[in-house]
C-alpha cells in the first residue's frame, strides 16, 4: 500500500489537505490482511496521526478486483503519514 508523503513545496496559506484517501486495487491472488504498522521515518516526525479508516470493497465498481480504501482525514502539507500496510 502507498505511504502518504507530501513534499516540502510552498503551499501558501494551506494548513491542511482535507479528506485525503487512497484507493488501491489489489491484483488477482492478493488479499489485504487487515494489518498495518506505524513507523517513524525521520527525526522530524512530531505529530501523532489518527488511525486511518480502512475499508475493503470486493468487486470494486464491477472490476472483479478488491479495493482497499484508506481514509486519512486531514493531512498537513510537507508531512509523512507513517503507516506500512501489510
PDB file of N, CA and C in Angstrom:
ATOM      1  N   UNK A   1       0.835  -1.174   0.000  1.00  0.00           N
ATOM      2  CA  UNK A   1       0.000   0.000   0.000  1.00  0.00           C
ATOM      3  C   UNK A   1       0.886   1.246   0.000  1.00  0.00           C
ATOM      4  N   UNK A   2       0.402   2.328  -0.556  1.00  0.00           N
ATOM      5  CA  UNK A   2       1.241   3.517  -0.645  1.00  0.00           C
ATOM      6  C   UNK A   2       1.444   4.185   0.707  1.00  0.00           C
ATOM      7  N   UNK A   3       2.594   4.794   0.848  1.00  0.00           N
ATOM      8  CA  UNK A   3       2.869   5.615   2.027  1.00  0.00           C
ATOM      9  C   UNK A   3       2.544   7.049   1.634  1.00  0.00           C
ATOM     10  N   UNK A   4       1.756   7.732   2.434  1.00  0.00           N
ATOM     11  CA  UNK A   4       1.413   9.120   2.129  1.00  0.00           C
ATOM     12  C   UNK A   4       2.609   9.992   2.481  1.00  0.00           C
ATOM     13  N   UNK A   5       3.107  10.722   1.504  1.00  0.00           N
ATOM     14  CA  UNK A   5       4.296  11.542   1.673  1.00  0.00           C
ATOM     15  C   UNK A   5       4.095  12.810   0.854  1.00  0.00           C
ATOM     16  N   UNK A   6       4.139  13.950   1.501  1.00  0.00           N
ATOM     17  CA  UNK A   6       3.967  15.231   0.808  1.00  0.00           C
ATOM     18  C   UNK A   6       5.306  15.930   0.742  1.00  0.00           C
ATOM     19  N   UNK A   7       5.559  16.606  -0.361  1.00  0.00           N
ATOM     20  CA  UNK A   7       6.836  17.297  -0.491  1.00  0.00           C
ATOM     21  C   UNK A   7       6.821  18.589   0.316  1.00  0.00           C
ATOM     22  N   UNK A   8       7.939  19.289   0.319  1.00  0.00           N
ATOM     23  CA  UNK A   8       8.052  20.499   1.127  1.00  0.00           C
ATOM     24  C   UNK A   8       7.919  21.765   0.289  1.00  0.00           C
ATOM     25  N   UNK A   9       7.184  21.696  -0.823  1.00  0.00           N
ATOM     26  CA  UNK A   9       6.966  22.875  -1.652  1.00  0.00           C
ATOM     27  C   UNK A   9       6.137  23.906  -0.886  1.00  0.00           C
ATOM     28  N   UNK A  10       6.118  25.119  -1.379  1.00  0.00           N
ATOM     29  CA  UNK A  10       5.349  26.173  -0.745  1.00  0.00           C
ATOM     30  C   UNK A  10       3.883  26.055  -1.147  1.00  0.00           C
ATOM     31  N   UNK A  11       3.022  25.955  -0.165  1.00  0.00           N
ATOM     32  CA  UNK A  11       1.589  25.815  -0.410  1.00  0.00           C
ATOM     33  C   UNK A  11       0.819  27.072  -0.026  1.00  0.00           C
ATOM     34  N   UNK A  12       1.511  28.165   0.184  1.00  0.00           N
ATOM     35  CA  UNK A  12       0.829  29.389   0.572  1.00  0.00           C
ATOM     36  C   UNK A  12       0.238  29.233   1.966  1.00  0.00           C
ATOM     37  N   UNK A  13      -1.029  29.610   2.116  1.00  0.00           N
ATOM     38  CA  UNK A  13      -1.642  29.544   3.442  1.00  0.00           C
ATOM     39  C   UNK A  13      -2.379  28.224   3.681  1.00  0.00           C
ATOM     40  N   UNK A  14      -2.150  27.219   2.848  1.00  0.00           N
ATOM     41  CA  UNK A  14      -2.779  25.919   3.033  1.00  0.00           C
ATOM     42  C   UNK A  14      -2.220  25.264   4.297  1.00  0.00           C
ATOM     43  N   UNK A  15      -3.106  25.025   5.271  1.00  0.00           N
ATOM     44  CA  UNK A  15      -2.676  24.433   6.534  1.00  0.00           C
ATOM     45  C   UNK A  15      -2.925  22.939   6.585  1.00  0.00           C
ATOM     46  N   UNK A  16      -3.928  22.468   5.858  1.00  0.00           N
ATOM     47  CA  UNK A  16      -4.254  21.056   5.908  1.00  0.00           C
ATOM     48  C   UNK A  16      -4.918  20.657   4.591  1.00  0.00           C
ATOM     49  N   UNK A  17      -4.565  19.498   4.090  1.00  0.00           N
ATOM     50  CA  UNK A  17      -5.208  18.953   2.899  1.00  0.00           C
ATOM     51  C   UNK A  17      -6.363  18.098   3.415  1.00  0.00           C
ATOM     52  N   UNK A  18      -7.607  18.501   3.143  1.00  0.00           N
ATOM     53  CA  UNK A  18      -8.743  17.786   3.731  1.00  0.00           C
ATOM     54  C   UNK A  18      -9.087  16.492   3.002  1.00  0.00           C
ATOM     55  N   UNK A  19      -9.629  15.560   3.747  1.00  0.00           N
ATOM     56  CA  UNK A  19     -10.222  14.333   3.193  1.00  0.00           C
ATOM     57  C   UNK A  19      -9.293  13.540   2.275  1.00  0.00           C
ATOM     58  N   UNK A  20      -8.058  13.317   2.702  1.00  0.00           N
ATOM     59  CA  UNK A  20      -7.108  12.541   1.909  1.00  0.00           C
ATOM     60  C   UNK A  20      -7.475  11.063   2.007  1.00  0.00           C
ATOM     61  N   UNK A  21      -7.524  10.409   0.855  1.00  0.00           N
ATOM     62  CA  UNK A  21      -7.755   8.964   0.849  1.00  0.00           C
ATOM     63  C   UNK A  21      -7.077   8.360  -0.365  1.00  0.00           C
ATOM     64  N   UNK A  22      -6.757   7.089  -0.238  1.00  0.00           N
ATOM     65  CA  UNK A  22      -6.184   6.350  -1.353  1.00  0.00           C
ATOM     66  C   UNK A  22      -7.076   5.155  -1.646  1.00  0.00           C
ATOM     67  N   UNK A  23      -7.109   4.775  -2.909  1.00  0.00           N
ATOM     68  CA  UNK A  23      -7.828   3.568  -3.322  1.00  0.00           C
ATOM     69  C   UNK A  23      -6.821   2.705  -4.065  1.00  0.00           C
ATOM     70  N   UNK A  24      -6.586   1.510  -3.544  1.00  0.00           N
ATOM     71  CA  UNK A  24      -5.639   0.583  -4.150  1.00  0.00           C
ATOM     72  C   UNK A  24      -6.394  -0.652  -4.609  1.00  0.00           C
ATOM     73  N   UNK A  25      -6.300  -0.954  -5.907  1.00  0.00           N
ATOM     74  CA  UNK A  25      -6.902  -2.182  -6.431  1.00  0.00           C
ATOM     75  C   UNK A  25      -5.879  -3.293  -6.332  1.00  0.00           C
ATOM     76  N   UNK A  26      -6.254  -4.363  -5.654  1.00  0.00           N
ATOM     77  CA  UNK A  26      -5.338  -5.483  -5.474  1.00  0.00           C
ATOM     78  C   UNK A  26      -5.325  -6.367  -6.717  1.00  0.00           C
ATOM     79  N   UNK A  27      -4.141  -6.811  -7.142  1.00  0.00           N
ATOM     80  CA  UNK A  27      -4.075  -7.727  -8.278  1.00  0.00           C
ATOM     81  C   UNK A  27      -4.661  -9.085  -7.901  1.00  0.00           C
ATOM     82  N   UNK A  28      -5.068  -9.866  -8.899  1.00  0.00           N
ATOM     83  CA  UNK A  28      -5.597 -11.207  -8.608  1.00  0.00           C
ATOM     84  C   UNK A  28      -4.613 -12.021  -7.765  1.00  0.00           C
ATOM     85  N   UNK A  29      -5.144 -12.732  -6.780  1.00  0.00           N
ATOM     86  CA  UNK A  29      -4.316 -13.568  -5.930  1.00  0.00           C
ATOM     87  C   UNK A  29      -3.794 -12.881  -4.679  1.00  0.00           C
ATOM     88  N   UNK A  30      -4.005 -11.569  -4.554  1.00  0.00           N
ATOM     89  CA  UNK A  30      -3.553 -10.834  -3.376  1.00  0.00           C
ATOM     90  C   UNK A  30      -4.736 -10.526  -2.479  1.00  0.00           C
ATOM     91  N   UNK A  31      -4.484 -10.486  -1.173  1.00  0.00           N
ATOM     92  CA  UNK A  31      -5.509 -10.138  -0.200  1.00  0.00           C
ATOM     93  C   UNK A  31      -4.950  -9.102   0.760  1.00  0.00           C
ATOM     94  N   UNK A  32      -5.812  -8.258   1.286  1.00  0.00           N
ATOM     95  CA  UNK A  32      -5.428  -7.335   2.342  1.00  0.00           C
ATOM     96  C   UNK A  32      -5.600  -8.071   3.667  1.00  0.00           C
ATOM     97  N   UNK A  33      -4.565  -8.104   4.480  1.00  0.00           N
ATOM     98  CA  UNK A  33      -4.596  -8.863   5.725  1.00  0.00           C
ATOM     99  C   UNK A  33      -5.330  -8.135   6.845  1.00  0.00           C
ATOM    100  N   UNK A  34      -5.586  -6.847   6.668  1.00  0.00           N
ATOM    101  CA  UNK A  34      -6.207  -6.069   7.733  1.00  0.00           C
ATOM    102  C   UNK A  34      -5.202  -5.550   8.735  1.00  0.00           C
ATOM    103  N   UNK A  35      -3.906  -5.710   8.437  1.00  0.00           N
ATOM    104  CA  UNK A  35      -2.866  -5.304   9.376  1.00  0.00           C
ATOM    105  C   UNK A  35      -2.044  -4.156   8.804  1.00  0.00           C
ATOM    106  N   UNK A  36      -1.615  -3.282   9.703  1.00  0.00           N
ATOM    107  CA  UNK A  36      -0.658  -2.250   9.340  1.00  0.00           C
ATOM    108  C   UNK A  36       0.148  -1.898  10.572  1.00  0.00           C
ATOM    109  N   UNK A  37       1.270  -1.217  10.359  1.00  0.00           N
ATOM    110  CA  UNK A  37       2.100  -0.811  11.484  1.00  0.00           C
ATOM    111  C   UNK A  37       2.536   0.632  11.301  1.00  0.00           C
ATOM    112  N   UNK A  38       2.704   1.319  12.425  1.00  0.00           N
ATOM    113  CA  UNK A  38       3.193   2.692  12.393  1.00  0.00           C
ATOM    114  C   UNK A  38       4.716   2.663  12.438  1.00  0.00           C
ATOM    115  N   UNK A  39       5.338   3.567  11.702  1.00  0.00           N
ATOM    116  CA  UNK A  39       6.796   3.699  11.727  1.00  0.00           C
ATOM    117  C   UNK A  39       7.185   5.160  11.683  1.00  0.00           C
ATOM    118  N   UNK A  40       8.287   5.477  12.311  1.00  0.00           N
ATOM    119  CA  UNK A  40       8.827   6.824  12.225  1.00  0.00           C
ATOM    120  C   UNK A  40       9.894   6.808  11.138  1.00  0.00           C
ATOM    121  N   UNK A  41       9.797   7.719  10.171  1.00  0.00           N
ATOM    122  CA  UNK A  41      10.742   7.732   9.058  1.00  0.00           C
ATOM    123  C   UNK A  41      11.914   8.669   9.263  1.00  0.00           C
ATOM    124  N   UNK A  42      11.735   9.689  10.052  1.00  0.00           N
ATOM    125  CA  UNK A  42      12.851  10.598  10.284  1.00  0.00           C
ATOM    126  C   UNK A  42      12.671  11.302  11.624  1.00  0.00           C
ATOM    127  N   UNK A  43      13.698  12.004  12.045  1.00  0.00           N
ATOM    128  CA  UNK A  43      13.672  12.664  13.351  1.00  0.00           C
ATOM    129  C   UNK A  43      12.732  13.861  13.386  1.00  0.00           C
ATOM    130  N   UNK A  44      12.235  14.288  12.240  1.00  0.00           N
ATOM    131  CA  UNK A  44      11.327  15.430  12.189  1.00  0.00           C
ATOM    132  C   UNK A  44       9.881  15.056  12.514  1.00  0.00           C
ATOM    133  N   UNK A  45       9.606  13.767  12.718  1.00  0.00           N
ATOM    134  CA  UNK A  45       8.236  13.322  12.980  1.00  0.00           C
ATOM    135  C   UNK A  45       7.802  13.840  14.339  1.00  0.00           C
ATOM    136  N   UNK A  46       6.847  14.778  14.338  1.00  0.00           N
ATOM    137  CA  UNK A  46       6.450  15.423  15.593  1.00  0.00           C
ATOM    138  C   UNK A  46       4.958  15.302  15.875  1.00  0.00           C
ATOM    139  N   UNK A  47       4.222  14.708  14.997  1.00  0.00           N
ATOM    140  CA  UNK A  47       2.778  14.636  15.204  1.00  0.00           C
ATOM    141  C   UNK A  47       2.357  13.205  15.471  1.00  0.00           C
ATOM    142  N   UNK A  48       1.191  13.052  16.020  1.00  0.00           N
ATOM    143  CA  UNK A  48       0.650  11.728  16.277  1.00  0.00           C
ATOM    144  C   UNK A  48      -0.621  11.584  15.437  1.00  0.00           C
ATOM    145  N   UNK A  49      -0.520  11.003  14.237  1.00  0.00           N
ATOM    146  CA  UNK A  49      -1.677  10.947  13.348  1.00  0.00           C
ATOM    147  C   UNK A  49      -2.770  10.040  13.894  1.00  0.00           C
ATOM    148  N   UNK A  50      -3.987  10.354  13.507  1.00  0.00           N
ATOM    149  CA  UNK A  50      -5.101   9.495  13.897  1.00  0.00           C
ATOM    150  C   UNK A  50      -5.008   8.189  13.113  1.00  0.00           C
ATOM    151  N   UNK A  51      -5.601   7.146  13.641  1.00  0.00           N
ATOM    152  CA  UNK A  51      -5.630   5.871  12.927  1.00  0.00           C
ATOM    153  C   UNK A  51      -6.458   6.054  11.652  1.00  0.00           C
ATOM    154  N   UNK A  52      -5.968   5.595  10.529  1.00  0.00           N
ATOM    155  CA  UNK A  52      -6.756   5.717   9.300  1.00  0.00           C
ATOM    156  C   UNK A  52      -7.942   4.762   9.325  1.00  0.00           C
ATOM    157  N   UNK A  53      -8.970   5.117   8.587  1.00  0.00           N
ATOM    158  CA  UNK A  53     -10.137   4.236   8.436  1.00  0.00           C
ATOM    159  C   UNK A  53      -9.900   3.407   7.172  1.00  0.00           C
ATOM    160  N   UNK A  54      -9.909   2.098   7.319  1.00  0.00           N
ATOM    161  CA  UNK A  54      -9.629   1.204   6.195  1.00  0.00           C
ATOM    162  C   UNK A  54     -10.893   0.415   5.860  1.00  0.00           C
ATOM    163  N   UNK A  55     -11.259   0.432   4.569  1.00  0.00           N
ATOM    164  CA  UNK A  55     -12.418  -0.304   4.094  1.00  0.00           C
ATOM    165  C   UNK A  55     -11.989  -1.199   2.940  1.00  0.00           C
ATOM    166  N   UNK A  56     -12.413  -2.437   2.989  1.00  0.00           N
ATOM    167  CA  UNK A  56     -12.137  -3.377   1.900  1.00  0.00           C
ATOM    168  C   UNK A  56     -13.431  -3.565   1.110  1.00  0.00           C
ATOM    169  N   UNK A  57     -13.366  -3.382  -0.209  1.00  0.00           N
ATOM    170  CA  UNK A  57     -14.550  -3.493  -1.069  1.00  0.00           C
ATOM    171  C   UNK A  57     -14.290  -4.556  -2.129  1.00  0.00           C
ATOM    172  N   UNK A  58     -15.014  -5.661  -2.051  1.00  0.00           N
ATOM    173  CA  UNK A  58     -14.899  -6.729  -3.057  1.00  0.00           C
ATOM    174  C   UNK A  58     -15.578  -6.280  -4.351  1.00  0.00           C
ATOM    175  N   UNK A  59     -15.079  -6.722  -5.485  1.00  0.00           N
ATOM    176  CA  UNK A  59     -15.639  -6.399  -6.799  1.00  0.00           C
ATOM    177  C   UNK A  59     -15.865  -4.891  -6.938  1.00  0.00           C
ATOM    178  N   UNK A  60     -14.844  -4.109  -6.672  1.00  0.00           N
ATOM    179  CA  UNK A  60     -14.929  -2.651  -6.687  1.00  0.00           C
ATOM    180  C   UNK A  60     -15.428  -2.147  -8.044  1.00  0.00           C
ATOM    181  N   UNK A  61     -16.542  -1.470  -8.016  1.00  0.00           N
ATOM    182  CA  UNK A  61     -17.179  -0.890  -9.209  1.00  0.00           C
ATOM    183  C   UNK A  61     -17.235  -1.867 -10.374  1.00  0.00           C
ATOM    184  N   UNK A  62     -17.509  -3.145 -10.075  1.00  0.00           N
ATOM    185  CA  UNK A  62     -17.686  -4.150 -11.115  1.00  0.00           C
ATOM    186  C   UNK A  62     -16.407  -4.605 -11.797  1.00  0.00           C
ATOM    187  N   UNK A  63     -15.246  -4.279 -11.210  1.00  0.00           N
ATOM    188  CA  UNK A  63     -13.966  -4.645 -11.837  1.00  0.00           C
ATOM    189  C   UNK A  63     -13.575  -6.093 -11.571  1.00  0.00           C
ATOM    190  N   UNK A  64     -14.214  -6.714 -10.574  1.00  0.00           N
ATOM    191  CA  UNK A  64     -13.808  -8.051 -10.169  1.00  0.00           C
ATOM    192  C   UNK A  64     -12.613  -8.039  -9.232  1.00  0.00           C
ATOM    193  N   UNK A  65     -12.081  -6.857  -8.967  1.00  0.00           N
ATOM    194  CA  UNK A  65     -10.925  -6.723  -8.078  1.00  0.00           C
ATOM    195  C   UNK A  65     -11.366  -6.180  -6.716  1.00  0.00           C
ATOM    196  N   UNK A  66     -10.548  -6.474  -5.715  1.00  0.00           N
ATOM    197  CA  UNK A  66     -10.799  -5.953  -4.376  1.00  0.00           C
ATOM    198  C   UNK A  66     -10.080  -4.622  -4.234  1.00  0.00           C
ATOM    199  N   UNK A  67     -10.790  -3.634  -3.704  1.00  0.00           N
ATOM    200  CA  UNK A  67     -10.194  -2.328  -3.433  1.00  0.00           C
ATOM    201  C   UNK A  67      -9.977  -2.184  -1.935  1.00  0.00           C
ATOM    202  N   UNK A  68      -8.848  -1.602  -1.573  1.00  0.00           N
ATOM    203  CA  UNK A  68      -8.596  -1.222  -0.191  1.00  0.00           C
ATOM    204  C   UNK A  68      -8.600   0.304  -0.168  1.00  0.00           C
ATOM    205  N   UNK A  69      -9.593   0.857   0.519  1.00  0.00           N
ATOM    206  CA  UNK A  69      -9.761   2.309   0.588  1.00  0.00           C
ATOM    207  C   UNK A  69      -9.308   2.761   1.970  1.00  0.00           C
ATOM    208  N   UNK A  70      -8.356   3.681   1.978  1.00  0.00           N
ATOM    209  CA  UNK A  70      -7.811   4.191   3.239  1.00  0.00           C
ATOM    210  C   UNK A  70      -8.122   5.673   3.331  1.00  0.00           C
ATOM    211  N   UNK A  71      -8.830   6.057   4.390  1.00  0.00           N
ATOM    212  CA  UNK A  71      -9.170   7.461   4.628  1.00  0.00           C
ATOM    213  C   UNK A  71      -8.284   7.984   5.746  1.00  0.00           C
ATOM    214  N   UNK A  72      -7.473   9.004   5.424  1.00  0.00           N
ATOM    215  CA  UNK A  72      -6.517   9.566   6.369  1.00  0.00           C
ATOM    216  C   UNK A  72      -7.039  10.808   7.075  1.00  0.00           C
ATOM    217  N   UNK A  73      -8.162  11.338   6.637  1.00  0.00           N
ATOM    218  CA  UNK A  73      -8.651  12.589   7.208  1.00  0.00           C
ATOM    219  C   UNK A  73      -7.859  13.754   6.649  1.00  0.00           C
ATOM    220  N   UNK A  74      -7.657  14.790   7.443  1.00  0.00           N
ATOM    221  CA  UNK A  74      -6.865  15.940   7.020  1.00  0.00           C
ATOM    222  C   UNK A  74      -5.393  15.684   7.249  1.00  0.00           C
ATOM    223  N   UNK A  75      -4.565  16.026   6.260  1.00  0.00           N
ATOM    224  CA  UNK A  75      -3.116  15.807   6.350  1.00  0.00           C
ATOM    225  C   UNK A  75      -2.417  17.145   6.169  1.00  0.00           C
ATOM    226  N   UNK A  76      -1.464  17.415   7.046  1.00  0.00           N
ATOM    227  CA  UNK A  76      -0.690  18.647   6.971  1.00  0.00           C
ATOM    228  C   UNK A  76       0.291  18.572   5.806  1.00  0.00           C
ATOM    229  N   UNK A  77       0.384  19.624   4.963  1.00  0.00           N
ATOM    230  CA  UNK A  77       1.362  19.599   3.871  1.00  0.00           C
ATOM    231  C   UNK A  77       2.784  19.431   4.407  1.00  0.00           C
ATOM    232  N   UNK A  78       3.639  18.870   3.577  1.00  0.00           N
ATOM    233  CA  UNK A  78       5.053  18.645   3.911  1.00  0.00           C
ATOM    234  C   UNK A  78       5.189  17.753   5.137  1.00  0.00           C
ATOM    235  N   UNK A  79       4.380  16.680   5.189  1.00  0.00           N
ATOM    236  CA  UNK A  79       4.450  15.759   6.321  1.00  0.00           C
ATOM    237  C   UNK A  79       4.349  14.324   5.838  1.00  0.00           C
ATOM    238  N   UNK A  80       4.607  13.395   6.740  1.00  0.00           N
ATOM    239  CA  UNK A  80       4.501  11.969   6.452  1.00  0.00           C
ATOM    240  C   UNK A  80       3.326  11.387   7.209  1.00  0.00           C
ATOM    241  N   UNK A  81       2.789  10.341   6.692  1.00  0.00           N
ATOM    242  CA  UNK A  81       1.792   9.553   7.400  1.00  0.00           C
ATOM    243  C   UNK A  81       2.420   8.178   7.548  1.00  0.00           C
ATOM    244  N   UNK A  82       2.935   7.842   8.733  1.00  0.00           N
ATOM    245  CA  UNK A  82       3.874   6.722   8.873  1.00  0.00           C
ATOM    246  C   UNK A  82       3.249   5.347   9.009  1.00  0.00           C
ATOM    247  N   UNK A  83       2.529   4.911   8.018  1.00  0.00           N
ATOM    248  CA  UNK A  83       1.915   3.599   8.095  1.00  0.00           C
ATOM    249  C   UNK A  83       2.454   2.703   6.982  1.00  0.00           C
ATOM    250  N   UNK A  84       2.775   1.481   7.324  1.00  0.00           N
ATOM    251  CA  UNK A  84       3.196   0.467   6.380  1.00  0.00           C
ATOM    252  C   UNK A  84       2.076  -0.566   6.328  1.00  0.00           C
ATOM    253  N   UNK A  85       1.566  -0.827   5.151  1.00  0.00           N
ATOM    254  CA  UNK A  85       0.443  -1.739   5.003  1.00  0.00           C
ATOM    255  C   UNK A  85       0.959  -3.138   4.715  1.00  0.00           C
ATOM    256  N   UNK A  86       0.407  -4.106   5.412  1.00  0.00           N
ATOM    257  CA  UNK A  86       0.845  -5.498   5.253  1.00  0.00           C
ATOM    258  C   UNK A  86      -0.148  -6.291   4.435  1.00  0.00           C
TER     259      UNK A  86
END
